[in-house]
Amino acid sequence: MAHDGFRVDVGALQDAEEGIRGAVAELGEMAGWGGAAVGEQGMGLKEGLLNSAVHVGHETLGGALIQFGVSWEWGVRYMVEDGYAAADALGESRAAYQQMDAEAEQKLIASLREG
């Protein structure tokens, strides 16, 4: 059975890292309701929904909206934190592969010059 061997697509790692960072930034913006610093930490959902609840026109619906914000604020915060951690890990992996490739290339060139 033939195979191409093991290889890592460094570009795919970079694309995944950038994609996760973009998605997390968007989630942070949505959760922060326009407050970038608050949104980056996944906070602000509750306050945004508190401000919106008075405009929905029905007390029960407003209460449900507030409860949703209270319930999900920490969930959003954890998703933002975990997303950034995953993107950081992908970036570190990509950098390690790039460093190893560069070192292997240097050793190969040095070996060819000696030979």
PDB file of N, CA and C in Angstrom:
ATOM      1  N   MET A   1       0.845  -1.164   0.000  1.00  0.00           N
ATOM      2  CA  MET A   1       0.000   0.000   0.000  1.00  0.00           C
ATOM      3  C   MET A   1       0.902   1.242   0.000  1.00  0.00           C
ATOM      4  N   ALA A   2       0.760   2.077  -0.995  1.00  0.00           N
ATOM      5  CA  ALA A   2       1.580   3.286  -1.119  1.00  0.00           C
ATOM      6  C   ALA A   2       0.969   4.422  -0.311  1.00  0.00           C
ATOM      7  N   HIS A   3       1.843   5.285   0.149  1.00  0.00           N
ATOM      8  CA  HIS A   3       1.385   6.480   0.860  1.00  0.00           C
ATOM      9  C   HIS A   3       2.362   7.614   0.586  1.00  0.00           C
ATOM     10  N   ASP A   4       1.909   8.810   0.828  1.00  0.00           N
ATOM     11  CA  ASP A   4       2.740   9.987   0.588  1.00  0.00           C
ATOM     12  C   ASP A   4       3.601  10.336   1.793  1.00  0.00           C
ATOM     13  N   GLY A   5       3.456   9.621   2.867  1.00  0.00           N
ATOM     14  CA  GLY A   5       4.224   9.918   4.073  1.00  0.00           C
ATOM     15  C   GLY A   5       3.537  10.979   4.920  1.00  0.00           C
ATOM     16  N   PHE A   6       4.193  11.315   5.971  1.00  0.00           N
ATOM     17  CA  PHE A   6       3.657  12.289   6.913  1.00  0.00           C
ATOM     18  C   PHE A   6       4.133  13.680   6.524  1.00  0.00           C
ATOM     19  N   ARG A   7       3.212  14.613   6.498  1.00  0.00           N
ATOM     20  CA  ARG A   7       3.613  15.994   6.261  1.00  0.00           C
ATOM     21  C   ARG A   7       2.599  16.938   6.906  1.00  0.00           C
ATOM     22  N   VAL A   8       3.066  18.116   7.157  1.00  0.00           N
ATOM     23  CA  VAL A   8       2.226  19.135   7.780  1.00  0.00           C
ATOM     24  C   VAL A   8       2.099  20.297   6.804  1.00  0.00           C
ATOM     25  N   ASP A   9       0.879  20.727   6.591  1.00  0.00           N
ATOM     26  CA  ASP A   9       0.627  21.879   5.736  1.00  0.00           C
ATOM     27  C   ASP A   9       0.653  23.120   6.626  1.00  0.00           C
ATOM     28  N   VAL A  10       1.792  23.802   6.625  1.00  0.00           N
ATOM     29  CA  VAL A  10       1.985  24.971   7.486  1.00  0.00           C
ATOM     30  C   VAL A  10       0.990  26.069   7.114  1.00  0.00           C
ATOM     31  N   GLY A  11       0.699  26.194   5.839  1.00  0.00           N
ATOM     32  CA  GLY A  11      -0.292  27.182   5.405  1.00  0.00           C
ATOM     33  C   GLY A  11      -1.670  26.906   5.973  1.00  0.00           C
ATOM     34  N   ALA A  12      -2.028  25.610   6.058  1.00  0.00           N
ATOM     35  CA  ALA A  12      -3.325  25.243   6.628  1.00  0.00           C
ATOM     36  C   ALA A  12      -3.366  25.560   8.124  1.00  0.00           C
ATOM     37  N   LEU A  13      -2.242  25.363   8.817  1.00  0.00           N
ATOM     38  CA  LEU A  13      -2.185  25.737  10.236  1.00  0.00           C
ATOM     39  C   LEU A  13      -2.390  27.237  10.400  1.00  0.00           C
ATOM     40  N   GLN A  14      -1.750  28.018   9.541  1.00  0.00           N
ATOM     41  CA  GLN A  14      -1.885  29.468   9.618  1.00  0.00           C
ATOM     42  C   GLN A  14      -3.321  29.886   9.280  1.00  0.00           C
ATOM     43  N   ASP A  15      -3.915  29.273   8.256  1.00  0.00           N
ATOM     44  CA  ASP A  15      -5.297  29.596   7.897  1.00  0.00           C
ATOM     45  C   ASP A  15      -6.248  29.273   9.044  1.00  0.00           C
ATOM     46  N   ALA A  16      -6.040  28.124   9.695  1.00  0.00           N
ATOM     47  CA  ALA A  16      -6.892  27.740  10.826  1.00  0.00           C
ATOM     48  C   ALA A  16      -6.735  28.727  11.976  1.00  0.00           C
ATOM     49  N   GLU A  17      -5.496  29.095  12.264  1.00  0.00           N
ATOM     50  CA  GLU A  17      -5.243  30.059  13.343  1.00  0.00           C
ATOM     51  C   GLU A  17      -5.950  31.377  13.052  1.00  0.00           C
ATOM     52  N   GLU A  18      -5.788  31.893  11.838  1.00  0.00           N
ATOM     53  CA  GLU A  18      -6.408  33.167  11.475  1.00  0.00           C
ATOM     54  C   GLU A  18      -7.937  33.062  11.485  1.00  0.00           C
ATOM     55  N   GLY A  19      -8.454  31.932  11.016  1.00  0.00           N
ATOM     56  CA  GLY A  19      -9.902  31.730  11.018  1.00  0.00           C
ATOM     57  C   GLY A  19     -10.485  31.712  12.418  1.00  0.00           C
ATOM     58  N   ILE A  20      -9.804  31.020  13.326  1.00  0.00           N
ATOM     59  CA  ILE A  20     -10.277  30.974  14.714  1.00  0.00           C
ATOM     60  C   ILE A  20     -10.209  32.359  15.334  1.00  0.00           C
ATOM     61  N   ARG A  21      -9.103  33.060  15.127  1.00  0.00           N
ATOM     62  CA  ARG A  21      -8.988  34.414  15.681  1.00  0.00           C
ATOM     63  C   ARG A  21     -10.089  35.330  15.139  1.00  0.00           C
ATOM     64  N   GLY A  22     -10.394  35.209  13.858  1.00  0.00           N
ATOM     65  CA  GLY A  22     -11.453  36.028  13.278  1.00  0.00           C
ATOM     66  C   GLY A  22     -12.818  35.709  13.867  1.00  0.00           C
ATOM     67  N   ALA A  23     -13.109  34.409  14.006  1.00  0.00           N
ATOM     68  CA  ALA A  23     -14.397  33.994  14.563  1.00  0.00           C
ATOM     69  C   ALA A  23     -14.531  34.427  16.019  1.00  0.00           C
ATOM     70  N   VAL A  24     -13.448  34.289  16.779  1.00  0.00           N
ATOM     71  CA  VAL A  24     -13.487  34.668  18.187  1.00  0.00           C
ATOM     72  C   VAL A  24     -13.625  36.183  18.325  1.00  0.00           C
ATOM     73  N   ALA A  25     -12.942  36.921  17.472  1.00  0.00           N
ATOM     74  CA  ALA A  25     -13.064  38.382  17.515  1.00  0.00           C
ATOM     75  C   ALA A  25     -14.500  38.804  17.214  1.00  0.00           C
ATOM     76  N   GLU A  26     -15.113  38.142  16.240  1.00  0.00           N
ATOM     77  CA  GLU A  26     -16.506  38.466  15.908  1.00  0.00           C
ATOM     78  C   GLU A  26     -17.434  38.110  17.064  1.00  0.00           C
ATOM     79  N   LEU A  27     -17.207  36.953  17.677  1.00  0.00           N
ATOM     80  CA  LEU A  27     -18.002  36.558  18.833  1.00  0.00           C
ATOM     81  C   LEU A  27     -17.831  37.570  19.960  1.00  0.00           C
ATOM     82  N   GLY A  28     -16.586  38.003  20.177  1.00  0.00           N
ATOM     83  CA  GLY A  28     -16.324  39.004  21.201  1.00  0.00           C
ATOM     84  C   GLY A  28     -17.030  40.308  20.918  1.00  0.00           C
ATOM     85  N   GLU A  29     -17.058  40.715  19.648  1.00  0.00           N
ATOM     86  CA  GLU A  29     -17.760  41.949  19.282  1.00  0.00           C
ATOM     87  C   GLU A  29     -19.260  41.811  19.530  1.00  0.00           C
ATOM     88  N   MET A  30     -19.810  40.657  19.162  1.00  0.00           N
ATOM     89  CA  MET A  30     -21.245  40.437  19.368  1.00  0.00           C
ATOM     90  C   MET A  30     -21.565  40.414  20.858  1.00  0.00           C
ATOM     91  N   ALA A  31     -20.737  39.732  21.625  1.00  0.00           N
ATOM     92  CA  ALA A  31     -21.000  39.608  23.062  1.00  0.00           C
ATOM     93  C   ALA A  31     -20.779  40.926  23.772  1.00  0.00           C
ATOM     94  N   GLY A  32     -19.856  41.736  23.260  1.00  0.00           N
ATOM     95  CA  GLY A  32     -19.569  43.006  23.908  1.00  0.00           C
ATOM     96  C   GLY A  32     -20.477  44.127  23.473  1.00  0.00           C
ATOM     97  N   TRP A  33     -21.363  43.855  22.534  1.00  0.00           N
ATOM     98  CA  TRP A  33     -22.311  44.845  22.041  1.00  0.00           C
ATOM     99  C   TRP A  33     -21.616  46.152  21.717  1.00  0.00           C
ATOM    100  N   GLY A  34     -20.490  46.024  20.982  1.00  0.00           N
ATOM    101  CA  GLY A  34     -19.791  47.217  20.525  1.00  0.00           C
ATOM    102  C   GLY A  34     -18.629  47.627  21.409  1.00  0.00           C
ATOM    103  N   GLY A  35     -18.508  47.107  22.590  1.00  0.00           N
ATOM    104  CA  GLY A  35     -17.390  47.433  23.465  1.00  0.00           C
ATOM    105  C   GLY A  35     -16.265  46.446  23.250  1.00  0.00           C
ATOM    106  N   ALA A  36     -15.286  46.807  22.444  1.00  0.00           N
ATOM    107  CA  ALA A  36     -14.252  45.854  22.021  1.00  0.00           C
ATOM    108  C   ALA A  36     -13.491  45.262  23.201  1.00  0.00           C
ATOM    109  N   ALA A  37     -13.068  46.080  24.158  1.00  0.00           N
ATOM    110  CA  ALA A  37     -12.286  45.577  25.288  1.00  0.00           C
ATOM    111  C   ALA A  37     -13.101  44.600  26.124  1.00  0.00           C
ATOM    112  N   VAL A  38     -14.365  44.911  26.327  1.00  0.00           N
ATOM    113  CA  VAL A  38     -15.247  44.019  27.090  1.00  0.00           C
ATOM    114  C   VAL A  38     -15.529  42.762  26.285  1.00  0.00           C
ATOM    115  N   GLY A  39     -15.773  42.925  25.000  1.00  0.00           N
ATOM    116  CA  GLY A  39     -16.083  41.790  24.137  1.00  0.00           C
ATOM    117  C   GLY A  39     -14.942  40.821  23.999  1.00  0.00           C
ATOM    118  N   GLU A  40     -13.709  41.319  23.990  1.00  0.00           N
ATOM    119  CA  GLU A  40     -12.550  40.437  23.887  1.00  0.00           C
ATOM    120  C   GLU A  40     -12.473  39.473  25.053  1.00  0.00           C
ATOM    121  N   GLN A  41     -13.052  39.842  26.177  1.00  0.00           N
ATOM    122  CA  GLN A  41     -13.058  38.952  27.328  1.00  0.00           C
ATOM    123  C   GLN A  41     -14.370  38.176  27.413  1.00  0.00           C
ATOM    124  N   GLY A  42     -15.218  38.331  26.384  1.00  0.00           N
ATOM    125  CA  GLY A  42     -16.474  37.588  26.348  1.00  0.00           C
ATOM    126  C   GLY A  42     -17.520  38.126  27.288  1.00  0.00           C
ATOM    127  N   MET A  43     -17.375  39.359  27.709  1.00  0.00           N
ATOM    128  CA  MET A  43     -18.326  39.948  28.650  1.00  0.00           C
ATOM    129  C   MET A  43     -19.160  40.986  27.919  1.00  0.00           C
ATOM    130  N   GLY A  44     -20.265  41.389  28.503  1.00  0.00           N
ATOM    131  CA  GLY A  44     -21.084  42.440  27.935  1.00  0.00           C
ATOM    132  C   GLY A  44     -22.420  41.963  27.418  1.00  0.00           C
ATOM    133  N   LEU A  45     -22.584  40.671  27.225  1.00  0.00           N
ATOM    134  CA  LEU A  45     -23.847  40.141  26.723  1.00  0.00           C
ATOM    135  C   LEU A  45     -24.991  40.481  27.667  1.00  0.00           C
ATOM    136  N   LYS A  46     -24.768  40.271  28.939  1.00  0.00           N
ATOM    137  CA  LYS A  46     -25.818  40.529  29.928  1.00  0.00           C
ATOM    138  C   LYS A  46     -26.239  41.993  29.905  1.00  0.00           C
ATOM    139  N   GLU A  47     -25.272  42.905  29.885  1.00  0.00           N
ATOM    140  CA  GLU A  47     -25.597  44.327  29.902  1.00  0.00           C
ATOM    141  C   GLU A  47     -26.339  44.738  28.633  1.00  0.00           C
ATOM    142  N   GLY A  48     -25.906  44.201  27.488  1.00  0.00           N
ATOM    143  CA  GLY A  48     -26.585  44.529  26.245  1.00  0.00           C
ATOM    144  C   GLY A  48     -28.029  44.063  26.241  1.00  0.00           C
ATOM    145  N   LEU A  49     -28.267  42.881  26.777  1.00  0.00           N
ATOM    146  CA  LEU A  49     -29.627  42.368  26.820  1.00  0.00           C
ATOM    147  C   LEU A  49     -30.458  43.061  27.886  1.00  0.00           C
ATOM    148  N   LEU A  50     -29.834  43.472  28.982  1.00  0.00           N
ATOM    149  CA  LEU A  50     -30.557  44.248  29.994  1.00  0.00           C
ATOM    150  C   LEU A  50     -31.086  45.537  29.385  1.00  0.00           C
ATOM    151  N   ASN A  51     -30.251  46.188  28.599  1.00  0.00           N
ATOM    152  CA  ASN A  51     -30.657  47.432  27.961  1.00  0.00           C
ATOM    153  C   ASN A  51     -31.738  47.199  26.904  1.00  0.00           C
ATOM    154  N   SER A  52     -31.734  46.045  26.265  1.00  0.00           N
ATOM    155  CA  SER A  52     -32.697  45.738  25.213  1.00  0.00           C
ATOM    156  C   SER A  52     -34.022  45.229  25.769  1.00  0.00           C
ATOM    157  N   ALA A  53     -34.018  44.637  26.952  1.00  0.00           N
ATOM    158  CA  ALA A  53     -35.205  43.977  27.494  1.00  0.00           C
ATOM    159  C   ALA A  53     -36.380  44.939  27.660  1.00  0.00           C
ATOM    160  N   VAL A  54     -36.105  46.179  27.982  1.00  0.00           N
ATOM    161  CA  VAL A  54     -37.206  47.132  28.197  1.00  0.00           C
ATOM    162  C   VAL A  54     -37.904  47.492  26.889  1.00  0.00           C
ATOM    163  N   HIS A  55     -37.273  47.195  25.756  1.00  0.00           N
ATOM    164  CA  HIS A  55     -37.822  47.582  24.459  1.00  0.00           C
ATOM    165  C   HIS A  55     -38.598  46.469  23.757  1.00  0.00           C
ATOM    166  N   VAL A  56     -38.670  45.277  24.349  1.00  0.00           N
ATOM    167  CA  VAL A  56     -39.347  44.174  23.668  1.00  0.00           C
ATOM    168  C   VAL A  56     -40.855  44.227  23.831  1.00  0.00           C
ATOM    169  N   GLY A  57     -41.339  44.978  24.799  1.00  0.00           N
ATOM    170  CA  GLY A  57     -42.769  45.211  24.908  1.00  0.00           C
ATOM    171  C   GLY A  57     -43.542  44.264  25.800  1.00  0.00           C
ATOM    172  N   HIS A  58     -42.957  43.190  26.226  1.00  0.00           N
ATOM    173  CA  HIS A  58     -43.661  42.254  27.088  1.00  0.00           C
ATOM    174  C   HIS A  58     -42.734  41.860  28.227  1.00  0.00           C
ATOM    175  N   GLU A  59     -43.242  41.956  29.431  1.00  0.00           N
ATOM    176  CA  GLU A  59     -42.421  41.715  30.625  1.00  0.00           C
ATOM    177  C   GLU A  59     -41.822  40.307  30.653  1.00  0.00           C
ATOM    178  N   THR A  60     -42.595  39.289  30.289  1.00  0.00           N
ATOM    179  CA  THR A  60     -42.105  37.914  30.315  1.00  0.00           C
ATOM    180  C   THR A  60     -40.995  37.717  29.289  1.00  0.00           C
ATOM    181  N   LEU A  61     -41.183  38.273  28.105  1.00  0.00           N
ATOM    182  CA  LEU A  61     -40.157  38.166  27.071  1.00  0.00           C
ATOM    183  C   LEU A  61     -38.897  38.924  27.485  1.00  0.00           C
ATOM    184  N   GLY A  62     -39.077  40.101  28.069  1.00  0.00           N
ATOM    185  CA  GLY A  62     -37.923  40.864  28.567  1.00  0.00           C
ATOM    186  C   GLY A  62     -37.172  40.101  29.641  1.00  0.00           C
ATOM    187  N   GLY A  63     -37.916  39.452  30.539  1.00  0.00           N
ATOM    188  CA  GLY A  63     -37.295  38.650  31.590  1.00  0.00           C
ATOM    189  C   GLY A  63     -36.531  37.465  31.021  1.00  0.00           C
ATOM    190  N   ALA A  64     -37.097  36.827  29.997  1.00  0.00           N
ATOM    191  CA  ALA A  64     -36.413  35.705  29.351  1.00  0.00           C
ATOM    192  C   ALA A  64     -35.137  36.180  28.669  1.00  0.00           C
ATOM    193  N   LEU A  65     -35.180  37.340  28.059  1.00  0.00           N
ATOM    194  CA  LEU A  65     -34.003  37.908  27.408  1.00  0.00           C
ATOM    195  C   LEU A  65     -32.898  38.189  28.427  1.00  0.00           C
ATOM    196  N   ILE A  66     -33.267  38.741  29.548  1.00  0.00           N
ATOM    197  CA  ILE A  66     -32.296  39.012  30.611  1.00  0.00           C
ATOM    198  C   ILE A  66     -31.705  37.706  31.141  1.00  0.00           C
ATOM    199  N   GLN A  67     -32.543  36.701  31.375  1.00  0.00           N
ATOM    200  CA  GLN A  67     -32.070  35.408  31.877  1.00  0.00           C
ATOM    201  C   GLN A  67     -31.117  34.756  30.887  1.00  0.00           C
ATOM    202  N   PHE A  68     -31.418  34.878  29.595  1.00  0.00           N
ATOM    203  CA  PHE A  68     -30.525  34.356  28.573  1.00  0.00           C
ATOM    204  C   PHE A  68     -29.157  35.025  28.673  1.00  0.00           C
ATOM    205  N   GLY A  69     -29.135  36.344  28.802  1.00  0.00           N
ATOM    206  CA  GLY A  69     -27.862  37.070  28.922  1.00  0.00           C
ATOM    207  C   GLY A  69     -27.074  36.662  30.145  1.00  0.00           C
ATOM    208  N   VAL A  70     -27.765  36.507  31.270  1.00  0.00           N
ATOM    209  CA  VAL A  70     -27.103  36.090  32.504  1.00  0.00           C
ATOM    210  C   VAL A  70     -26.527  34.684  32.343  1.00  0.00           C
ATOM    211  N   SER A  71     -27.315  33.784  31.762  1.00  0.00           N
ATOM    212  CA  SER A  71     -26.894  32.390  31.609  1.00  0.00           C
ATOM    213  C   SER A  71     -25.718  32.232  30.650  1.00  0.00           C
ATOM    214  N   TRP A  72     -25.715  32.999  29.573  1.00  0.00           N
ATOM    215  CA  TRP A  72     -24.723  32.786  28.527  1.00  0.00           C
ATOM    216  C   TRP A  72     -23.498  33.677  28.614  1.00  0.00           C
ATOM    217  N   GLU A  73     -23.491  34.662  29.489  1.00  0.00           N
ATOM    218  CA  GLU A  73     -22.329  35.552  29.536  1.00  0.00           C
ATOM    219  C   GLU A  73     -21.052  34.783  29.849  1.00  0.00           C
ATOM    220  N   TRP A  74     -21.082  33.911  30.838  1.00  0.00           N
ATOM    221  CA  TRP A  74     -19.877  33.137  31.170  1.00  0.00           C
ATOM    222  C   TRP A  74     -19.555  32.138  30.072  1.00  0.00           C
ATOM    223  N   GLY A  75     -20.594  31.563  29.451  1.00  0.00           N
ATOM    224  CA  GLY A  75     -20.359  30.630  28.354  1.00  0.00           C
ATOM    225  C   GLY A  75     -19.640  31.295  27.198  1.00  0.00           C
ATOM    226  N   VAL A  76     -20.069  32.499  26.858  1.00  0.00           N
ATOM    227  CA  VAL A  76     -19.416  33.239  25.785  1.00  0.00           C
ATOM    228  C   VAL A  76     -17.984  33.576  26.186  1.00  0.00           C
ATOM    229  N   ARG A  77     -17.804  33.962  27.425  1.00  0.00           N
ATOM    230  CA  ARG A  77     -16.457  34.300  27.902  1.00  0.00           C
ATOM    231  C   ARG A  77     -15.521  33.098  27.760  1.00  0.00           C
ATOM    232  N   TYR A  78     -15.997  31.915  28.152  1.00  0.00           N
ATOM    233  CA  TYR A  78     -15.170  30.713  28.033  1.00  0.00           C
ATOM    234  C   TYR A  78     -14.902  30.358  26.576  1.00  0.00           C
ATOM    235  N   MET A  79     -15.895  30.545  25.705  1.00  0.00           N
ATOM    236  CA  MET A  79     -15.667  30.265  24.282  1.00  0.00           C
ATOM    237  C   MET A  79     -14.613  31.207  23.712  1.00  0.00           C
ATOM    238  N   VAL A  80     -14.637  32.471  24.110  1.00  0.00           N
ATOM    239  CA  VAL A  80     -13.644  33.427  23.638  1.00  0.00           C
ATOM    240  C   VAL A  80     -12.261  33.035  24.146  1.00  0.00           C
ATOM    241  N   GLU A  81     -12.152  32.743  25.444  1.00  0.00           N
ATOM    242  CA  GLU A  81     -10.864  32.349  26.023  1.00  0.00           C
ATOM    243  C   GLU A  81     -10.326  31.073  25.373  1.00  0.00           C
ATOM    244  N   ASP A  82     -11.188  30.065  25.234  1.00  0.00           N
ATOM    245  CA  ASP A  82     -10.758  28.799  24.632  1.00  0.00           C
ATOM    246  C   ASP A  82     -10.395  28.982  23.160  1.00  0.00           C
ATOM    247  N   GLY A  83     -11.120  29.829  22.474  1.00  0.00           N
ATOM    248  CA  GLY A  83     -10.807  30.100  21.071  1.00  0.00           C
ATOM    249  C   GLY A  83      -9.439  30.726  20.913  1.00  0.00           C
ATOM    250  N   TYR A  84      -9.143  31.719  21.744  1.00  0.00           N
ATOM    251  CA  TYR A  84      -7.817  32.340  21.679  1.00  0.00           C
ATOM    252  C   TYR A  84      -6.728  31.336  22.065  1.00  0.00           C
ATOM    253  N   ALA A  85      -6.997  30.476  23.038  1.00  0.00           N
ATOM    254  CA  ALA A  85      -6.013  29.458  23.434  1.00  0.00           C
ATOM    255  C   ALA A  85      -5.755  28.482  22.284  1.00  0.00           C
ATOM    256  N   ALA A  86      -6.804  28.083  21.574  1.00  0.00           N
ATOM    257  CA  ALA A  86      -6.634  27.182  20.437  1.00  0.00           C
ATOM    258  C   ALA A  86      -5.833  27.856  19.324  1.00  0.00           C
ATOM    259  N   ALA A  87      -6.128  29.119  19.049  1.00  0.00           N
ATOM    260  CA  ALA A  87      -5.394  29.855  18.017  1.00  0.00           C
ATOM    261  C   ALA A  87      -3.932  30.013  18.413  1.00  0.00           C
ATOM    262  N   ASP A  88      -3.676  30.293  19.689  1.00  0.00           N
ATOM    263  CA  ASP A  88      -2.288  30.400  20.160  1.00  0.00           C
ATOM    264  C   ASP A  88      -1.547  29.076  19.984  1.00  0.00           C
ATOM    265  N   ALA A  89      -2.211  27.968  20.310  1.00  0.00           N
ATOM    266  CA  ALA A  89      -1.580  26.648  20.176  1.00  0.00           C
ATOM    267  C   ALA A  89      -1.275  26.341  18.711  1.00  0.00           C
ATOM    268  N   LEU A  90      -2.191  26.684  17.817  1.00  0.00           N
ATOM    269  CA  LEU A  90      -1.931  26.475  16.394  1.00  0.00           C
ATOM    270  C   LEU A  90      -0.758  27.327  15.924  1.00  0.00           C
ATOM    271  N   GLY A  91      -0.684  28.564  16.412  1.00  0.00           N
ATOM    272  CA  GLY A  91       0.430  29.441  16.047  1.00  0.00           C
ATOM    273  C   GLY A  91       1.762  28.904  16.540  1.00  0.00           C
ATOM    274  N   GLU A  92       1.774  28.375  17.753  1.00  0.00           N
ATOM    275  CA  GLU A  92       3.002  27.797  18.294  1.00  0.00           C
ATOM    276  C   GLU A  92       3.421  26.557  17.502  1.00  0.00           C
ATOM    277  N   SER A  93       2.454  25.733  17.131  1.00  0.00           N
ATOM    278  CA  SER A  93       2.756  24.538  16.325  1.00  0.00           C
ATOM    279  C   SER A  93       3.313  24.932  14.970  1.00  0.00           C
ATOM    280  N   ARG A  94       2.668  25.900  14.336  1.00  0.00           N
ATOM    281  CA  ARG A  94       3.137  26.375  13.038  1.00  0.00           C
ATOM    282  C   ARG A  94       4.560  26.895  13.132  1.00  0.00           C
ATOM    283  N   ALA A  95       4.842  27.689  14.150  1.00  0.00           N
ATOM    284  CA  ALA A  95       6.190  28.246  14.330  1.00  0.00           C
ATOM    285  C   ALA A  95       7.220  27.146  14.566  1.00  0.00           C
ATOM    286  N   ALA A  96       6.857  26.125  15.328  1.00  0.00           N
ATOM    287  CA  ALA A  96       7.780  25.011  15.584  1.00  0.00           C
ATOM    288  C   ALA A  96       8.090  24.255  14.294  1.00  0.00           C
ATOM    289  N   TYR A  97       7.072  23.984  13.487  1.00  0.00           N
ATOM    290  CA  TYR A  97       7.306  23.301  12.208  1.00  0.00           C
ATOM    291  C   TYR A  97       8.172  24.146  11.283  1.00  0.00           C
ATOM    292  N   GLN A  98       7.911  25.457  11.236  1.00  0.00           N
ATOM    293  CA  GLN A  98       8.707  26.331  10.380  1.00  0.00           C
ATOM    294  C   GLN A  98      10.163  26.365  10.843  1.00  0.00           C
ATOM    295  N   GLN A  99      10.383  26.393  12.153  1.00  0.00           N
ATOM    296  CA  GLN A  99      11.743  26.401  12.685  1.00  0.00           C
ATOM    297  C   GLN A  99      12.458  25.096  12.346  1.00  0.00           C
ATOM    298  N   MET A 100      11.777  23.973  12.515  1.00  0.00           N
ATOM    299  CA  MET A 100      12.393  22.679  12.200  1.00  0.00           C
ATOM    300  C   MET A 100      12.710  22.566  10.716  1.00  0.00           C
ATOM    301  N   ASP A 101      11.818  23.042   9.869  1.00  0.00           N
ATOM    302  CA  ASP A 101      12.078  23.025   8.429  1.00  0.00           C
ATOM    303  C   ASP A 101      13.307  23.864   8.086  1.00  0.00           C
ATOM    304  N   ALA A 102      13.405  25.043   8.696  1.00  0.00           N
ATOM    305  CA  ALA A 102      14.545  25.919   8.424  1.00  0.00           C
ATOM    306  C   ALA A 102      15.849  25.277   8.895  1.00  0.00           C
ATOM    307  N   GLU A 103      15.834  24.660  10.070  1.00  0.00           N
ATOM    308  CA  GLU A 103      17.031  23.995  10.589  1.00  0.00           C
ATOM    309  C   GLU A 103      17.427  22.808   9.714  1.00  0.00           C
ATOM    310  N   ALA A 104      16.447  22.028   9.268  1.00  0.00           N
ATOM    311  CA  ALA A 104      16.744  20.885   8.400  1.00  0.00           C
ATOM    312  C   ALA A 104      17.320  21.366   7.074  1.00  0.00           C
ATOM    313  N   GLU A 105      16.792  22.431   6.550  1.00  0.00           N
ATOM    314  CA  GLU A 105      17.299  22.978   5.295  1.00  0.00           C
ATOM    315  C   GLU A 105      18.747  23.446   5.453  1.00  0.00           C
ATOM    316  N   GLN A 106      19.031  24.130   6.567  1.00  0.00           N
ATOM    317  CA  GLN A 106      20.405  24.601   6.815  1.00  0.00           C
ATOM    318  C   GLN A 106      21.369  23.422   6.928  1.00  0.00           C
ATOM    319  N   LYS A 107      20.965  22.369   7.644  1.00  0.00           N
ATOM    320  CA  LYS A 107      21.835  21.193   7.792  1.00  0.00           C
ATOM    321  C   LYS A 107      22.065  20.484   6.464  1.00  0.00           C
ATOM    322  N   LEU A 108      21.031  20.408   5.647  1.00  0.00           N
ATOM    323  CA  LEU A 108      21.157  19.775   4.347  1.00  0.00           C
ATOM    324  C   LEU A 108      22.110  20.567   3.455  1.00  0.00           C
ATOM    325  N   ILE A 109      21.978  21.861   3.442  1.00  0.00           N
ATOM    326  CA  ILE A 109      22.874  22.730   2.644  1.00  0.00           C
ATOM    327  C   ILE A 109      24.307  22.583   3.137  1.00  0.00           C
ATOM    328  N   ALA A 110      24.510  22.589   4.456  1.00  0.00           N
ATOM    329  CA  ALA A 110      25.853  22.439   5.018  1.00  0.00           C
ATOM    330  C   ALA A 110      26.442  21.071   4.641  1.00  0.00           C
ATOM    331  N   SER A 111      25.614  20.036   4.678  1.00  0.00           N
ATOM    332  CA  SER A 111      26.060  18.698   4.331  1.00  0.00           C
ATOM    333  C   SER A 111      26.459  18.610   2.861  1.00  0.00           C
ATOM    334  N   LEU A 112      25.717  19.240   1.992  1.00  0.00           N
ATOM    335  CA  LEU A 112      26.016  19.239   0.569  1.00  0.00           C
ATOM    336  C   LEU A 112      27.300  20.008   0.270  1.00  0.00           C
ATOM    337  N   ARG A 113      27.545  21.057   1.008  1.00  0.00           N
ATOM    338  CA  ARG A 113      28.772  21.852   0.806  1.00  0.00           C
ATOM    339  C   ARG A 113      30.013  21.072   1.246  1.00  0.00           C
ATOM    340  N   GLU A 114      29.848  20.281   2.305  1.00  0.00           N
ATOM    341  CA  GLU A 114      30.978  19.494   2.823  1.00  0.00           C
ATOM    342  C   GLU A 114      31.295  18.321   1.900  1.00  0.00           C
ATOM    343  N   GLY A 115      30.291  17.779   1.279  1.00  0.00           N
ATOM    344  CA  GLY A 115      30.413  16.546   0.509  1.00  0.00           C
ATOM    345  C   GLY A 115      30.958  16.762  -0.839  1.00  0.00           C
TER     346      GLY A 115
END
